[in-house]
Amino acid sequence: MSNEDLISVDYEIFGRVQGVFFRKYTQAEAKKLGLVGWVQNTGAGTVQGQLQGPRGKVKEMQEWLRSTGSPKSHITKAEFNNEKTVDSLEHSSFNIVK
């Protein structure tokens, strides 16, 4: 692990993000970047979750969530909240929450 700060950030993604394998692609991308956290569908038709990892990798993931998503998704808005530096990761992997 580099000496880069570890950060935690919550996110919510709006648009056509349910029923298009958004969570599965999000999990795969997060694991590829070495991030931990979770993702779940909401009752409001959005996808929300939390990312944790080195600042640079979290920023890459935020850009992916903002602009890429799954192939059939259509992202209209991405919100990121509660960004904070953490001493250690609170999750051991990146999970899809049902």
Protein backbone atom coordinates (compact mmCIF):
# COMPACT_ATOMS: atom_id res chain seq x y z
CA MET A 1 0.00 0.00 0.00
CA SER A 2 1.34 3.43 -0.86
CA ASN A 3 1.46 6.22 1.68
CA GLU A 4 -1.56 7.76 -0.03
CA ASP A 5 -4.45 8.66 2.28
CA LEU A 6 -7.22 6.13 2.63
CA ILE A 7 -10.60 7.74 2.14
CA SER A 8 -14.22 6.71 2.46
CA VAL A 9 -17.01 8.26 0.40
CA ASP A 10 -20.72 7.53 0.07
CA TYR A 11 -22.36 7.72 -3.33
CA GLU A 12 -25.76 7.70 -5.00
CA ILE A 13 -26.18 7.31 -8.74
CA PHE A 14 -29.30 8.50 -10.60
CA GLY A 15 -30.65 7.57 -14.03
CA ARG A 16 -31.33 4.19 -15.59
CA VAL A 17 -29.17 2.22 -13.17
CA GLN A 18 -31.44 -0.64 -12.07
CA GLY A 19 -32.02 -3.75 -14.15
CA VAL A 20 -28.90 -3.03 -16.22
CA PHE A 21 -26.32 -4.97 -14.16
CA PHE A 22 -25.05 -1.70 -12.66
CA ARG A 23 -24.22 -3.27 -9.29
CA LYS A 24 -22.33 -6.16 -10.89
CA TYR A 25 -20.22 -3.83 -13.05
CA THR A 26 -19.64 -1.50 -10.10
CA GLN A 27 -18.41 -4.44 -8.00
CA ALA A 28 -16.09 -5.62 -10.80
CA GLU A 29 -14.65 -2.13 -11.34
CA ALA A 30 -14.12 -1.56 -7.60
CA LYS A 31 -12.33 -4.90 -7.25
CA LYS A 32 -10.18 -4.12 -10.29
CA LEU A 33 -9.10 -0.89 -8.59
CA GLY A 34 -8.57 -2.66 -5.26
CA LEU A 35 -11.35 -0.79 -3.47
CA VAL A 36 -13.68 -2.08 -0.76
CA GLY A 37 -17.23 -1.09 0.14
CA TRP A 38 -20.71 -1.94 -1.08
CA VAL A 39 -23.43 -1.16 -3.60
CA GLN A 40 -27.22 -1.63 -3.49
CA ASN A 41 -30.39 -0.65 -5.30
CA THR A 42 -32.71 1.78 -3.53
CA GLY A 43 -36.48 1.91 -3.50
CA ALA A 44 -36.24 5.24 -5.31
CA GLY A 45 -34.70 3.65 -8.41
CA THR A 46 -31.16 4.79 -7.70
CA VAL A 47 -28.03 2.89 -6.76
CA GLN A 48 -26.14 3.81 -3.60
CA GLY A 49 -23.16 2.60 -1.67
CA GLN A 50 -19.79 3.35 -0.18
CA LEU A 51 -16.24 3.30 -1.54
CA GLN A 52 -13.07 2.97 0.52
CA GLY A 53 -9.45 2.87 -0.55
CA PRO A 54 -6.49 5.03 -1.58
CA ARG A 55 -7.57 8.54 -2.58
CA GLY A 56 -6.39 8.21 -6.21
CA LYS A 57 -8.22 4.93 -6.78
CA VAL A 58 -11.41 6.26 -5.15
CA LYS A 59 -11.24 9.30 -7.47
CA GLU A 60 -10.90 6.95 -10.49
CA MET A 61 -13.94 5.02 -9.31
CA GLN A 62 -15.94 8.21 -8.79
CA GLU A 63 -15.20 9.21 -12.38
CA TRP A 64 -16.26 5.73 -13.56
CA LEU A 65 -19.53 6.01 -11.59
CA ARG A 66 -20.14 9.51 -12.97
CA SER A 67 -19.51 8.73 -16.63
CA THR A 68 -19.27 5.01 -17.44
CA GLY A 69 -21.36 2.61 -15.37
CA SER A 70 -22.64 -0.58 -16.95
CA PRO A 71 -23.03 -0.81 -20.75
CA LYS A 72 -26.84 -0.42 -20.70
CA SER A 73 -27.03 2.16 -17.91
CA HIS A 74 -27.77 5.83 -18.45
CA ILE A 75 -26.36 7.98 -15.65
CA THR A 76 -28.01 11.36 -15.20
CA LYS A 77 -26.41 12.39 -11.90
CA ALA A 78 -23.83 11.11 -9.43
CA GLU A 79 -23.70 12.45 -5.88
CA PHE A 80 -20.78 11.88 -3.51
CA ASN A 81 -21.13 12.68 0.18
CA ASN A 82 -19.41 12.23 3.55
CA GLU A 83 -15.91 12.01 2.13
CA LYS A 84 -13.46 11.47 4.97
CA THR A 85 -9.99 10.16 5.62
CA VAL A 86 -9.96 6.78 7.39
CA ASP A 87 -7.12 5.10 9.30
CA SER A 88 -8.07 1.66 8.05
CA LEU A 89 -10.59 0.07 5.70
CA GLU A 90 -13.90 -0.82 7.33
CA HIS A 91 -14.77 -3.50 4.75
CA SER A 92 -12.80 -6.54 3.63
CA SER A 93 -14.14 -6.66 0.08
CA PHE A 94 -16.65 -4.98 -2.25
CA ASN A 95 -20.12 -6.46 -1.85
CA ILE A 96 -23.46 -6.22 -3.60
CA VAL A 97 -26.11 -5.70 -0.92
CA LYS A 98 -29.49 -7.20 -1.78
